[in-house]
PDB file of N, CA and C in Angstrom:
ATOM      1  N   MET A   1     -26.746  42.466 -65.869  1.00  0.00           N
ATOM      2  CA  MET A   1     -28.026  42.527 -66.545  1.00  0.00           C
ATOM      3  C   MET A   1     -27.800  43.146 -67.917  1.00  0.00           C
ATOM      4  N   THR A   2     -28.325  42.530 -68.930  1.00  0.00           N
ATOM      5  CA  THR A   2     -28.154  43.041 -70.283  1.00  0.00           C
ATOM      6  C   THR A   2     -29.172  44.138 -70.568  1.00  0.00           C
ATOM      7  N   THR A   3     -28.932  44.868 -71.645  1.00  0.00           N
ATOM      8  CA  THR A   3     -29.859  45.925 -72.056  1.00  0.00           C
ATOM      9  C   THR A   3     -31.238  45.345 -72.349  1.00  0.00           C
ATOM     10  N   GLU A   4     -31.271  44.194 -72.973  1.00  0.00           N
ATOM     11  CA  GLU A   4     -32.555  43.557 -73.287  1.00  0.00           C
ATOM     12  C   GLU A   4     -33.309  43.176 -72.013  1.00  0.00           C
ATOM     13  N   GLU A   5     -32.587  42.661 -71.035  1.00  0.00           N
ATOM     14  CA  GLU A   5     -33.223  42.310 -69.762  1.00  0.00           C
ATOM     15  C   GLU A   5     -33.782  43.565 -69.084  1.00  0.00           C
ATOM     16  N   ILE A   6     -33.028  44.644 -69.162  1.00  0.00           N
ATOM     17  CA  ILE A   6     -33.488  45.898 -68.568  1.00  0.00           C
ATOM     18  C   ILE A   6     -34.740  46.396 -69.279  1.00  0.00           C
ATOM     19  N   LYS A   7     -34.756  46.335 -70.607  1.00  0.00           N
ATOM     20  CA  LYS A   7     -35.930  46.785 -71.369  1.00  0.00           C
ATOM     21  C   LYS A   7     -37.161  45.951 -71.027  1.00  0.00           C
ATOM     22  N   THR A   8     -36.954  44.670 -70.754  1.00  0.00           N
ATOM     23  CA  THR A   8     -38.061  43.802 -70.354  1.00  0.00           C
ATOM     24  C   THR A   8     -38.576  44.202 -68.973  1.00  0.00           C
ATOM     25  N   PHE A   9     -37.659  44.593 -68.104  1.00  0.00           N
ATOM     26  CA  PHE A   9     -38.008  44.959 -66.732  1.00  0.00           C
ATOM     27  C   PHE A   9     -38.579  46.372 -66.633  1.00  0.00           C
ATOM     28  N   MET A  10     -38.215  47.269 -67.552  1.00  0.00           N
ATOM     29  CA  MET A  10     -38.582  48.683 -67.472  1.00  0.00           C
ATOM     30  C   MET A  10     -40.086  48.947 -67.340  1.00  0.00           C
ATOM     31  N   PRO A  11     -40.949  48.229 -68.048  1.00  0.00           N
ATOM     32  CA  PRO A  11     -42.378  48.526 -67.872  1.00  0.00           C
ATOM     33  C   PRO A  11     -42.844  48.445 -66.419  1.00  0.00           C
ATOM     34  N   GLN A  12     -42.194  47.595 -65.617  1.00  0.00           N
ATOM     35  CA  GLN A  12     -42.543  47.504 -64.201  1.00  0.00           C
ATOM     36  C   GLN A  12     -42.168  48.785 -63.462  1.00  0.00           C
ATOM     37  N   LEU A  13     -41.175  49.499 -63.982  1.00  0.00           N
ATOM     38  CA  LEU A  13     -40.722  50.730 -63.342  1.00  0.00           C
ATOM     39  C   LEU A  13     -41.521  51.941 -63.781  1.00  0.00           C
ATOM     40  N   MET A  14     -42.248  51.828 -64.882  1.00  0.00           N
ATOM     41  CA  MET A  14     -42.992  52.958 -65.417  1.00  0.00           C
ATOM     42  C   MET A  14     -44.286  53.169 -64.628  1.00  0.00           C
ATOM     43  N   VAL A  15     -44.104  53.706 -63.463  1.00  0.00           N
ATOM     44  CA  VAL A  15     -45.210  54.010 -62.565  1.00  0.00           C
ATOM     45  C   VAL A  15     -45.119  55.481 -62.225  1.00  0.00           C
ATOM     46  N   ASP A  16     -46.002  55.958 -61.368  1.00  0.00           N
ATOM     47  CA  ASP A  16     -45.924  57.343 -60.924  1.00  0.00           C
ATOM     48  C   ASP A  16     -44.545  57.607 -60.345  1.00  0.00           C
ATOM     49  N   VAL A  17     -44.059  58.819 -60.534  1.00  0.00           N
ATOM     50  CA  VAL A  17     -42.733  59.193 -60.053  1.00  0.00           C
ATOM     51  C   VAL A  17     -42.594  58.914 -58.564  1.00  0.00           C
ATOM     52  N   GLU A  18     -43.636  59.177 -57.792  1.00  0.00           N
ATOM     53  CA  GLU A  18     -43.573  58.959 -56.349  1.00  0.00           C
ATOM     54  C   GLU A  18     -43.395  57.495 -55.990  1.00  0.00           C
ATOM     55  N   GLU A  19     -43.771  56.599 -56.880  1.00  0.00           N
ATOM     56  CA  GLU A  19     -43.693  55.165 -56.611  1.00  0.00           C
ATOM     57  C   GLU A  19     -42.514  54.492 -57.306  1.00  0.00           C
ATOM     58  N   CYS A  20     -41.829  55.178 -58.210  1.00  0.00           N
ATOM     59  CA  CYS A  20     -40.745  54.579 -58.985  1.00  0.00           C
ATOM     60  C   CYS A  20     -39.571  54.244 -58.067  1.00  0.00           C
ATOM     61  N   PRO A  21     -39.154  52.972 -58.000  1.00  0.00           N
ATOM     62  CA  PRO A  21     -38.058  52.601 -57.103  1.00  0.00           C
ATOM     63  C   PRO A  21     -36.727  53.241 -57.481  1.00  0.00           C
ATOM     64  N   VAL A  22     -36.504  53.508 -58.755  1.00  0.00           N
ATOM     65  CA  VAL A  22     -35.249  54.155 -59.167  1.00  0.00           C
ATOM     66  C   VAL A  22     -35.216  55.592 -58.655  1.00  0.00           C
ATOM     67  N   ILE A  23     -36.287  56.334 -58.892  1.00  0.00           N
ATOM     68  CA  ILE A  23     -36.357  57.725 -58.438  1.00  0.00           C
ATOM     69  C   ILE A  23     -36.252  57.786 -56.924  1.00  0.00           C
ATOM     70  N   ARG A  24     -36.960  56.917 -56.233  1.00  0.00           N
ATOM     71  CA  ARG A  24     -36.939  56.940 -54.763  1.00  0.00           C
ATOM     72  C   ARG A  24     -35.557  56.602 -54.222  1.00  0.00           C
ATOM     73  N   THR A  25     -34.842  55.679 -54.866  1.00  0.00           N
ATOM     74  CA  THR A  25     -33.480  55.342 -54.432  1.00  0.00           C
ATOM     75  C   THR A  25     -32.545  56.513 -54.668  1.00  0.00           C
ATOM     76  N   LEU A  26     -32.665  57.156 -55.830  1.00  0.00           N
ATOM     77  CA  LEU A  26     -31.831  58.330 -56.106  1.00  0.00           C
ATOM     78  C   LEU A  26     -32.116  59.458 -55.119  1.00  0.00           C
ATOM     79  N   GLU A  27     -33.372  59.636 -54.756  1.00  0.00           N
ATOM     80  CA  GLU A  27     -33.723  60.654 -53.760  1.00  0.00           C
ATOM     81  C   GLU A  27     -33.127  60.317 -52.402  1.00  0.00           C
ATOM     82  N   LEU A  28     -33.077  59.046 -52.072  1.00  0.00           N
ATOM     83  CA  LEU A  28     -32.470  58.607 -50.813  1.00  0.00           C
ATOM     84  C   LEU A  28     -30.988  58.975 -50.769  1.00  0.00           C
ATOM     85  N   LEU A  29     -30.311  58.884 -51.906  1.00  0.00           N
ATOM     86  CA  LEU A  29     -28.885  59.192 -51.993  1.00  0.00           C
ATOM     87  C   LEU A  29     -28.613  60.674 -52.236  1.00  0.00           C
ATOM     88  N   ASN A  30     -29.677  61.454 -52.364  1.00  0.00           N
ATOM     89  CA  ASN A  30     -29.541  62.882 -52.643  1.00  0.00           C
ATOM     90  C   ASN A  30     -28.837  63.591 -51.487  1.00  0.00           C
ATOM     91  N   GLY A  31     -28.099  64.601 -51.810  1.00  0.00           N
ATOM     92  CA  GLY A  31     -27.391  65.371 -50.803  1.00  0.00           C
ATOM     93  C   GLY A  31     -25.899  65.207 -50.983  1.00  0.00           C
ATOM     94  N   ARG A  32     -25.177  66.253 -50.689  1.00  0.00           N
ATOM     95  CA  ARG A  32     -23.730  66.247 -50.933  1.00  0.00           C
ATOM     96  C   ARG A  32     -23.015  65.142 -50.168  1.00  0.00           C
ATOM     97  N   TRP A  33     -23.435  64.853 -48.941  1.00  0.00           N
ATOM     98  CA  TRP A  33     -22.683  63.959 -48.071  1.00  0.00           C
ATOM     99  C   TRP A  33     -23.286  62.563 -47.923  1.00  0.00           C
ATOM    100  N   THR A  34     -24.519  62.376 -48.302  1.00  0.00           N
ATOM    101  CA  THR A  34     -25.212  61.115 -48.036  1.00  0.00           C
ATOM    102  C   THR A  34     -24.482  59.908 -48.621  1.00  0.00           C
ATOM    103  N   ALA A  35     -24.207  59.941 -49.908  1.00  0.00           N
ATOM    104  CA  ALA A  35     -23.539  58.802 -50.542  1.00  0.00           C
ATOM    105  C   ALA A  35     -22.132  58.609 -49.980  1.00  0.00           C
ATOM    106  N   GLN A  36     -21.455  59.712 -49.650  1.00  0.00           N
ATOM    107  CA  GLN A  36     -20.108  59.603 -49.098  1.00  0.00           C
ATOM    108  C   GLN A  36     -20.127  58.952 -47.713  1.00  0.00           C
ATOM    109  N   VAL A  37     -21.127  59.278 -46.912  1.00  0.00           N
ATOM    110  CA  VAL A  37     -21.250  58.663 -45.589  1.00  0.00           C
ATOM    111  C   VAL A  37     -21.529  57.167 -45.739  1.00  0.00           C
ATOM    112  N   ILE A  38     -22.450  56.804 -46.621  1.00  0.00           N
ATOM    113  CA  ILE A  38     -22.751  55.388 -46.844  1.00  0.00           C
ATOM    114  C   ILE A  38     -21.501  54.661 -47.333  1.00  0.00           C
ATOM    115  N   TYR A  39     -20.786  55.266 -48.249  1.00  0.00           N
ATOM    116  CA  TYR A  39     -19.559  54.661 -48.776  1.00  0.00           C
ATOM    117  C   TYR A  39     -18.548  54.417 -47.654  1.00  0.00           C
ATOM    118  N   GLN A  40     -18.353  55.398 -46.790  1.00  0.00           N
ATOM    119  CA  GLN A  40     -17.415  55.221 -45.676  1.00  0.00           C
ATOM    120  C   GLN A  40     -17.878  54.130 -44.726  1.00  0.00           C
ATOM    121  N   LEU A  41     -19.169  54.061 -44.467  1.00  0.00           N
ATOM    122  CA  LEU A  41     -19.694  53.035 -43.576  1.00  0.00           C
ATOM    123  C   LEU A  41     -19.583  51.639 -44.199  1.00  0.00           C
ATOM    124  N   GLU A  42     -19.567  51.561 -45.522  1.00  0.00           N
ATOM    125  CA  GLU A  42     -19.364  50.270 -46.169  1.00  0.00           C
ATOM    126  C   GLU A  42     -17.931  49.784 -45.982  1.00  0.00           C
ATOM    127  N   LYS A  43     -16.998  50.705 -45.787  1.00  0.00           N
ATOM    128  CA  LYS A  43     -15.590  50.337 -45.611  1.00  0.00           C
ATOM    129  C   LYS A  43     -15.288  49.832 -44.208  1.00  0.00           C
ATOM    130  N   TYR A  44     -16.086  50.220 -43.229  1.00  0.00           N
ATOM    131  CA  TYR A  44     -15.833  49.873 -41.827  1.00  0.00           C
ATOM    132  C   TYR A  44     -17.031  49.125 -41.270  1.00  0.00           C
ATOM    133  N   GLU A  45     -16.772  48.150 -40.423  1.00  0.00           N
ATOM    134  CA  GLU A  45     -17.876  47.433 -39.782  1.00  0.00           C
ATOM    135  C   GLU A  45     -18.638  48.378 -38.849  1.00  0.00           C
ATOM    136  N   THR A  46     -17.887  49.103 -38.018  1.00  0.00           N
ATOM    137  CA  THR A  46     -18.456  50.159 -37.179  1.00  0.00           C
ATOM    138  C   THR A  46     -17.450  51.303 -37.159  1.00  0.00           C
ATOM    139  N   ILE A  47     -17.966  52.500 -36.934  1.00  0.00           N
ATOM    140  CA  ILE A  47     -17.094  53.670 -36.882  1.00  0.00           C
ATOM    141  C   ILE A  47     -17.711  54.705 -35.954  1.00  0.00           C
ATOM    142  N   ARG A  48     -16.854  55.408 -35.260  1.00  0.00           N
ATOM    143  CA  ARG A  48     -17.310  56.464 -34.366  1.00  0.00           C
ATOM    144  C   ARG A  48     -17.377  57.780 -35.121  1.00  0.00           C
ATOM    145  N   PHE A  49     -18.131  58.714 -34.561  1.00  0.00           N
ATOM    146  CA  PHE A  49     -18.386  60.002 -35.197  1.00  0.00           C
ATOM    147  C   PHE A  49     -17.078  60.691 -35.599  1.00  0.00           C
ATOM    148  N   GLY A  50     -16.144  60.808 -34.686  1.00  0.00           N
ATOM    149  CA  GLY A  50     -14.890  61.520 -34.951  1.00  0.00           C
ATOM    150  C   GLY A  50     -14.079  60.890 -36.064  1.00  0.00           C
ATOM    151  N   GLU A  51     -14.037  59.564 -36.090  1.00  0.00           N
ATOM    152  CA  GLU A  51     -13.305  58.866 -37.147  1.00  0.00           C
ATOM    153  C   GLU A  51     -13.988  59.057 -38.497  1.00  0.00           C
ATOM    154  N   LEU A  52     -15.309  59.006 -38.487  1.00  0.00           N
ATOM    155  CA  LEU A  52     -16.057  59.214 -39.722  1.00  0.00           C
ATOM    156  C   LEU A  52     -15.817  60.627 -40.252  1.00  0.00           C
ATOM    157  N   LYS A  53     -15.825  61.603 -39.355  1.00  0.00           N
ATOM    158  CA  LYS A  53     -15.591  62.998 -39.751  1.00  0.00           C
ATOM    159  C   LYS A  53     -14.216  63.154 -40.380  1.00  0.00           C
ATOM    160  N   LYS A  54     -13.212  62.470 -39.855  1.00  0.00           N
ATOM    161  CA  LYS A  54     -11.861  62.540 -40.424  1.00  0.00           C
ATOM    162  C   LYS A  54     -11.826  62.016 -41.862  1.00  0.00           C
ATOM    163  N   GLN A  55     -12.678  61.041 -42.165  1.00  0.00           N
ATOM    164  CA  GLN A  55     -12.715  60.456 -43.504  1.00  0.00           C
ATOM    165  C   GLN A  55     -13.418  61.350 -44.521  1.00  0.00           C
ATOM    166  N   LEU A  56     -14.189  62.310 -44.036  1.00  0.00           N
ATOM    167  CA  LEU A  56     -15.007  63.165 -44.904  1.00  0.00           C
ATOM    168  C   LEU A  56     -14.472  64.595 -44.865  1.00  0.00           C
ATOM    169  N   GLN A  57     -13.507  64.874 -45.692  1.00  0.00           N
ATOM    170  CA  GLN A  57     -12.866  66.182 -45.708  1.00  0.00           C
ATOM    171  C   GLN A  57     -13.879  67.292 -45.991  1.00  0.00           C
ATOM    172  N   GLY A  58     -13.927  68.270 -45.103  1.00  0.00           N
ATOM    173  CA  GLY A  58     -14.765  69.446 -45.318  1.00  0.00           C
ATOM    174  C   GLY A  58     -16.154  69.396 -44.712  1.00  0.00           C
ATOM    175  N   ILE A  59     -16.563  68.262 -44.166  1.00  0.00           N
ATOM    176  CA  ILE A  59     -17.903  68.180 -43.578  1.00  0.00           C
ATOM    177  C   ILE A  59     -17.882  68.812 -42.185  1.00  0.00           C
ATOM    178  N   THR A  60     -18.954  69.521 -41.855  1.00  0.00           N
ATOM    179  CA  THR A  60     -19.069  70.114 -40.521  1.00  0.00           C
ATOM    180  C   THR A  60     -19.714  69.109 -39.579  1.00  0.00           C
ATOM    181  N   ASN A  61     -19.560  69.347 -38.277  1.00  0.00           N
ATOM    182  CA  ASN A  61     -20.204  68.483 -37.282  1.00  0.00           C
ATOM    183  C   ASN A  61     -21.715  68.469 -37.480  1.00  0.00           C
ATOM    184  N   THR A  62     -22.288  69.644 -37.732  1.00  0.00           N
ATOM    185  CA  THR A  62     -23.736  69.749 -37.909  1.00  0.00           C
ATOM    186  C   THR A  62     -24.202  68.965 -39.124  1.00  0.00           C
ATOM    187  N   MET A  63     -23.498  69.110 -40.242  1.00  0.00           N
ATOM    188  CA  MET A  63     -23.902  68.413 -41.463  1.00  0.00           C
ATOM    189  C   MET A  63     -23.759  66.905 -41.295  1.00  0.00           C
ATOM    190  N   LEU A  64     -22.683  66.465 -40.644  1.00  0.00           N
ATOM    191  CA  LEU A  64     -22.512  65.031 -40.415  1.00  0.00           C
ATOM    192  C   LEU A  64     -23.606  64.505 -39.492  1.00  0.00           C
ATOM    193  N   SER A  65     -23.904  65.235 -38.438  1.00  0.00           N
ATOM    194  CA  SER A  65     -24.975  64.824 -37.516  1.00  0.00           C
ATOM    195  C   SER A  65     -26.308  64.721 -38.241  1.00  0.00           C
ATOM    196  N   ASN A  66     -26.622  65.718 -39.055  1.00  0.00           N
ATOM    197  CA  ASN A  66     -27.891  65.712 -39.790  1.00  0.00           C
ATOM    198  C   ASN A  66     -27.954  64.561 -40.795  1.00  0.00           C
ATOM    199  N   THR A  67     -26.849  64.316 -41.484  1.00  0.00           N
ATOM    200  CA  THR A  67     -26.811  63.227 -42.463  1.00  0.00           C
ATOM    201  C   THR A  67     -26.983  61.885 -41.778  1.00  0.00           C
ATOM    202  N   LEU A  68     -26.287  61.689 -40.663  1.00  0.00           N
ATOM    203  CA  LEU A  68     -26.413  60.431 -39.923  1.00  0.00           C
ATOM    204  C   LEU A  68     -27.832  60.240 -39.396  1.00  0.00           C
ATOM    205  N   LYS A  69     -28.419  61.298 -38.871  1.00  0.00           N
ATOM    206  CA  LYS A  69     -29.786  61.216 -38.351  1.00  0.00           C
ATOM    207  C   LYS A  69     -30.762  60.853 -39.469  1.00  0.00           C
ATOM    208  N   ASN A  70     -30.606  61.480 -40.624  1.00  0.00           N
ATOM    209  CA  ASN A  70     -31.465  61.203 -41.766  1.00  0.00           C
ATOM    210  C   ASN A  70     -31.340  59.749 -42.209  1.00  0.00           C
ATOM    211  N   LEU A  71     -30.115  59.247 -42.291  1.00  0.00           N
ATOM    212  CA  LEU A  71     -29.911  57.855 -42.696  1.00  0.00           C
ATOM    213  C   LEU A  71     -30.425  56.874 -41.644  1.00  0.00           C
ATOM    214  N   GLU A  72     -30.323  57.244 -40.390  1.00  0.00           N
ATOM    215  CA  GLU A  72     -30.854  56.400 -39.318  1.00  0.00           C
ATOM    216  C   GLU A  72     -32.378  56.334 -39.402  1.00  0.00           C
ATOM    217  N   GLU A  73     -33.010  57.476 -39.659  1.00  0.00           N
ATOM    218  CA  GLU A  73     -34.476  57.511 -39.794  1.00  0.00           C
ATOM    219  C   GLU A  73     -34.950  56.659 -40.960  1.00  0.00           C
ATOM    220  N   LYS A  74     -34.119  56.533 -42.005  1.00  0.00           N
ATOM    221  CA  LYS A  74     -34.480  55.735 -43.176  1.00  0.00           C
ATOM    222  C   LYS A  74     -34.008  54.288 -43.059  1.00  0.00           C
ATOM    223  N   SER A  75     -33.494  53.924 -41.890  1.00  0.00           N
ATOM    224  CA  SER A  75     -33.043  52.556 -41.588  1.00  0.00           C
ATOM    225  C   SER A  75     -31.874  52.094 -42.453  1.00  0.00           C
ATOM    226  N   ILE A  76     -31.065  53.036 -42.928  1.00  0.00           N
ATOM    227  CA  ILE A  76     -29.879  52.701 -43.708  1.00  0.00           C
ATOM    228  C   ILE A  76     -28.703  52.440 -42.763  1.00  0.00           C
ATOM    229  N   ILE A  77     -28.652  53.172 -41.667  1.00  0.00           N
ATOM    230  CA  ILE A  77     -27.600  52.972 -40.676  1.00  0.00           C
ATOM    231  C   ILE A  77     -28.230  52.752 -39.309  1.00  0.00           C
ATOM    232  N   LYS A  78     -27.431  52.207 -38.406  1.00  0.00           N
ATOM    233  CA  LYS A  78     -27.879  52.103 -37.018  1.00  0.00           C
ATOM    234  C   LYS A  78     -26.870  52.821 -36.141  1.00  0.00           C
ATOM    235  N   ARG A  79     -27.373  53.379 -35.093  1.00  0.00           N
ATOM    236  CA  ARG A  79     -26.580  54.132 -34.129  1.00  0.00           C
ATOM    237  C   ARG A  79     -26.657  53.394 -32.812  1.00  0.00           C
ATOM    238  N   ILE A  80     -25.505  53.048 -32.263  1.00  0.00           N
ATOM    239  CA  ILE A  80     -25.469  52.374 -30.965  1.00  0.00           C
ATOM    240  C   ILE A  80     -24.747  53.278 -29.984  1.00  0.00           C
ATOM    241  N   GLN A  81     -25.464  53.606 -28.907  1.00  0.00           N
ATOM    242  CA  GLN A  81     -24.884  54.439 -27.855  1.00  0.00           C
ATOM    243  C   GLN A  81     -24.609  53.567 -26.643  1.00  0.00           C
ATOM    244  N   TYR A  82     -23.371  53.604 -26.178  1.00  0.00           N
ATOM    245  CA  TYR A  82     -22.969  52.825 -25.019  1.00  0.00           C
ATOM    246  C   TYR A  82     -23.016  53.719 -23.789  1.00  0.00           C
ATOM    247  N   ASP A  83     -23.552  53.187 -22.725  1.00  0.00           N
ATOM    248  CA  ASP A  83     -23.668  53.948 -21.480  1.00  0.00           C
ATOM    249  C   ASP A  83     -22.340  53.907 -20.734  1.00  0.00           C
ATOM    250  N   GLU A  84     -21.424  54.699 -21.216  1.00  0.00           N
ATOM    251  CA  GLU A  84     -20.100  54.840 -20.627  1.00  0.00           C
ATOM    252  C   GLU A  84     -19.827  56.322 -20.432  1.00  0.00           C
ATOM    253  N   MET A  85     -18.805  56.607 -19.686  1.00  0.00           N
ATOM    254  CA  MET A  85     -18.357  57.988 -19.557  1.00  0.00           C
ATOM    255  C   MET A  85     -16.932  58.061 -20.038  1.00  0.00           C
ATOM    256  N   PRO A  86     -16.613  58.835 -21.022  1.00  0.00           N
ATOM    257  CA  PRO A  86     -17.552  59.618 -21.837  1.00  0.00           C
ATOM    258  C   PRO A  86     -18.411  58.687 -22.711  1.00  0.00           C
ATOM    259  N   VAL A  87     -19.548  59.209 -23.144  1.00  0.00           N
ATOM    260  CA  VAL A  87     -20.479  58.431 -23.958  1.00  0.00           C
ATOM    261  C   VAL A  87     -19.792  58.032 -25.260  1.00  0.00           C
ATOM    262  N   ARG A  88     -19.970  56.777 -25.615  1.00  0.00           N
ATOM    263  CA  ARG A  88     -19.408  56.258 -26.869  1.00  0.00           C
ATOM    264  C   ARG A  88     -20.566  55.915 -27.798  1.00  0.00           C
ATOM    265  N   VAL A  89     -20.491  56.431 -29.034  1.00  0.00           N
ATOM    266  CA  VAL A  89     -21.516  56.168 -30.044  1.00  0.00           C
ATOM    267  C   VAL A  89     -20.829  55.587 -31.268  1.00  0.00           C
ATOM    268  N   GLU A  90     -21.376  54.502 -31.791  1.00  0.00           N
ATOM    269  CA  GLU A  90     -20.847  53.875 -32.995  1.00  0.00           C
ATOM    270  C   GLU A  90     -21.941  53.782 -34.050  1.00  0.00           C
ATOM    271  N   TYR A  91     -21.516  53.912 -35.290  1.00  0.00           N
ATOM    272  CA  TYR A  91     -22.431  53.845 -36.429  1.00  0.00           C
ATOM    273  C   TYR A  91     -22.030  52.680 -37.313  1.00  0.00           C
ATOM    274  N   SER A  92     -23.018  52.035 -37.890  1.00  0.00           N
ATOM    275  CA  SER A  92     -22.772  50.962 -38.848  1.00  0.00           C
ATOM    276  C   SER A  92     -23.969  50.880 -39.782  1.00  0.00           C
ATOM    277  N   LEU A  93     -23.778  50.171 -40.879  1.00  0.00           N
ATOM    278  CA  LEU A  93     -24.875  49.974 -41.816  1.00  0.00           C
ATOM    279  C   LEU A  93     -25.822  48.899 -41.296  1.00  0.00           C
ATOM    280  N   THR A  94     -27.083  49.086 -41.559  1.00  0.00           N
ATOM    281  CA  THR A  94     -28.055  48.027 -41.304  1.00  0.00           C
ATOM    282  C   THR A  94     -27.950  47.015 -42.443  1.00  0.00           C
ATOM    283  N   GLU A  95     -28.687  45.938 -42.347  1.00  0.00           N
ATOM    284  CA  GLU A  95     -28.710  44.967 -43.446  1.00  0.00           C
ATOM    285  C   GLU A  95     -29.167  45.661 -44.730  1.00  0.00           C
ATOM    286  N   MET A  96     -30.200  46.487 -44.615  1.00  0.00           N
ATOM    287  CA  MET A  96     -30.709  47.212 -45.780  1.00  0.00           C
ATOM    288  C   MET A  96     -29.633  48.135 -46.353  1.00  0.00           C
ATOM    289  N   GLY A  97     -28.901  48.828 -45.493  1.00  0.00           N
ATOM    290  CA  GLY A  97     -27.824  49.696 -45.958  1.00  0.00           C
ATOM    291  C   GLY A  97     -26.708  48.925 -46.626  1.00  0.00           C
ATOM    292  N   GLY A  98     -26.359  47.778 -46.064  1.00  0.00           N
ATOM    293  CA  GLY A  98     -25.317  46.946 -46.642  1.00  0.00           C
ATOM    294  C   GLY A  98     -25.669  46.413 -48.017  1.00  0.00           C
ATOM    295  N   GLU A  99     -26.949  46.251 -48.255  1.00  0.00           N
ATOM    296  CA  GLU A  99     -27.390  45.752 -49.557  1.00  0.00           C
ATOM    297  C   GLU A  99     -27.273  46.805 -50.654  1.00  0.00           C
ATOM    298  N   MET A 100     -26.842  48.015 -50.275  1.00  0.00           N
ATOM    299  CA  MET A 100     -26.605  49.054 -51.282  1.00  0.00           C
ATOM    300  C   MET A 100     -25.233  48.887 -51.937  1.00  0.00           C
ATOM    301  N   LEU A 101     -24.383  48.029 -51.395  1.00  0.00           N
ATOM    302  CA  LEU A 101     -23.034  47.841 -51.932  1.00  0.00           C
ATOM    303  C   LEU A 101     -23.036  47.520 -53.428  1.00  0.00           C
ATOM    304  N   PRO A 102     -23.895  46.615 -53.914  1.00  0.00           N
ATOM    305  CA  PRO A 102     -23.900  46.353 -55.364  1.00  0.00           C
ATOM    306  C   PRO A 102     -24.264  47.590 -56.187  1.00  0.00           C
ATOM    307  N   ILE A 103     -25.087  48.473 -55.643  1.00  0.00           N
ATOM    308  CA  ILE A 103     -25.427  49.714 -56.351  1.00  0.00           C
ATOM    309  C   ILE A 103     -24.175  50.563 -56.503  1.00  0.00           C
ATOM    310  N   PHE A 104     -23.420  50.708 -55.418  1.00  0.00           N
ATOM    311  CA  PHE A 104     -22.193  51.488 -55.472  1.00  0.00           C
ATOM    312  C   PHE A 104     -21.179  50.841 -56.418  1.00  0.00           C
ATOM    313  N   TYR A 105     -21.122  49.530 -56.421  1.00  0.00           N
ATOM    314  CA  TYR A 105     -20.204  48.828 -57.314  1.00  0.00           C
ATOM    315  C   TYR A 105     -20.548  49.115 -58.773  1.00  0.00           C
ATOM    316  N   GLU A 106     -21.820  48.996 -59.119  1.00  0.00           N
ATOM    317  CA  GLU A 106     -22.241  49.256 -60.503  1.00  0.00           C
ATOM    318  C   GLU A 106     -22.008  50.718 -60.885  1.00  0.00           C
ATOM    319  N   MET A 107     -22.248  51.625 -59.946  1.00  0.00           N
ATOM    320  CA  MET A 107     -21.987  53.037 -60.214  1.00  0.00           C
ATOM    321  C   MET A 107     -20.490  53.262 -60.436  1.00  0.00           C
ATOM    322  N   SER A 108     -19.662  52.544 -59.700  1.00  0.00           N
ATOM    323  CA  SER A 108     -18.217  52.642 -59.872  1.00  0.00           C
ATOM    324  C   SER A 108     -17.798  52.177 -61.262  1.00  0.00           C
ATOM    325  N   LEU A 109     -18.356  51.075 -61.706  1.00  0.00           N
ATOM    326  CA  LEU A 109     -18.040  50.578 -63.047  1.00  0.00           C
ATOM    327  C   LEU A 109     -18.453  51.583 -64.115  1.00  0.00           C
ATOM    328  N   TRP A 110     -19.652  52.111 -63.978  1.00  0.00           N
ATOM    329  CA  TRP A 110     -20.148  53.096 -64.943  1.00  0.00           C
ATOM    330  C   TRP A 110     -19.281  54.349 -64.918  1.00  0.00           C
ATOM    331  N   GLY A 111     -18.984  54.842 -63.716  1.00  0.00           N
ATOM    332  CA  GLY A 111     -18.176  56.048 -63.586  1.00  0.00           C
ATOM    333  C   GLY A 111     -16.785  55.875 -64.158  1.00  0.00           C
ATOM    334  N   THR A 112     -16.173  54.731 -63.905  1.00  0.00           N
ATOM    335  CA  THR A 112     -14.846  54.460 -64.447  1.00  0.00           C
ATOM    336  C   THR A 112     -14.871  54.464 -65.970  1.00  0.00           C
ATOM    337  N   LYS A 113     -15.931  53.938 -66.526  1.00  0.00           N
ATOM    338  CA  LYS A 113     -16.037  53.827 -67.976  1.00  0.00           C
ATOM    339  C   LYS A 113     -16.382  55.154 -68.651  1.00  0.00           C
ATOM    340  N   TYR A 114     -17.260  55.963 -68.042  1.00  0.00           N
ATOM    341  CA  TYR A 114     -17.809  57.107 -68.754  1.00  0.00           C
ATOM    342  C   TYR A 114     -17.468  58.492 -68.211  1.00  0.00           C
ATOM    343  N   LEU A 115     -17.153  58.639 -66.951  1.00  0.00           N
ATOM    344  CA  LEU A 115     -16.976  59.992 -66.406  1.00  0.00           C
ATOM    345  C   LEU A 115     -15.785  60.712 -67.009  1.00  0.00           C
ATOM    346  N   LYS A 116     -14.720  60.035 -67.297  1.00  0.00           N
ATOM    347  CA  LYS A 116     -13.576  60.686 -67.933  1.00  0.00           C
ATOM    348  C   LYS A 116     -14.005  61.270 -69.278  1.00  0.00           C
ATOM    349  N   LYS A 117     -14.790  60.512 -70.026  1.00  0.00           N
ATOM    350  CA  LYS A 117     -15.284  60.981 -71.336  1.00  0.00           C
ATOM    351  C   LYS A 117     -16.210  62.188 -71.166  1.00  0.00           C
ATOM    352  N   ALA A 118     -17.029  62.175 -70.113  1.00  0.00           N
ATOM    353  CA  ALA A 118     -17.977  63.267 -69.883  1.00  0.00           C
ATOM    354  C   ALA A 118     -17.254  64.544 -69.496  1.00  0.00           C
ATOM    355  N   ASP A 119     -16.095  64.412 -68.826  1.00  0.00           N
ATOM    356  CA  ASP A 119     -15.328  65.580 -68.408  1.00  0.00           C
ATOM    357  C   ASP A 119     -14.559  66.230 -69.554  1.00  0.00           C
ATOM    358  N   ASP A 120     -14.318  65.461 -70.611  1.00  0.00           N
ATOM    359  CA  ASP A 120     -13.542  65.977 -71.761  1.00  0.00           C
ATOM    360  C   ASP A 120     -14.332  66.947 -72.599  1.00  0.00           C
TER     361      ASP A 120
END
């Protein structure tokens, strides 16, 4: 999308902060671990709690549980519990969660281009 296309689209976004889709999306990604959990789930079709925890250096069980629960409540991920002993639980992105991939891609492009400059 070009800058001109964005400027044409921007008036549609100029609504109350509570209704702005950009602000609401950023709020959805708010939190130290939220975006990292979504990113890890984008890499795997399904993943179990323990494997996900291994991918997220420094996260506690409680924080991972809370982050997963929050994302499940927002329909970004789905949790499937299998009635086995021991209980097996797998996490994956919902269709809505998977559609966040282009957002992460664009953020990656922007970060690659500008974050090094911002750190200098």
